[in-house]
């Protein structure tokens, strides 16, 4: 009986810890984000349009995963607000102290971490759109 109580208590504490650290749910309502991948130009161009019209004070960004391709490094980030639920694949050309741990661990152990005041720019031309990392105030695990 006592072992069952301890196991039940441990499971409840684990679930409480797990759910309390989880990022808020968001639901996409934009068909472009449903029909294209976050790496595509169509998706990125739509994300640029949406970022121009939403309230920036409401914007939250969460680390999803780390990607590498050839010599380039990327952060896949969930971007959400009251009116937006999308992924951004952000190129990291110059790392800094705030994301050093993510880069060194190749993202392991950082899933769901919140970027506080993430800064990135959108570089667009006719052939491609790139989000480029500029900096972040801090990471909140």
Foldseek 3Di string as FASTA:
>chain_A
DVVVVVVVVVVVVVVVVVVVLADDDDDDPDVQQVPDPQQDQSNQVVVVVVVVPDDPVQKWKFFAFWDDDDHWIWTWIFIDGPHDTHIHTETEPDDDPQCVVCVVVRNPPRGGKIFAAWDWDWDDDPPHIHTYGDDTPHIHD
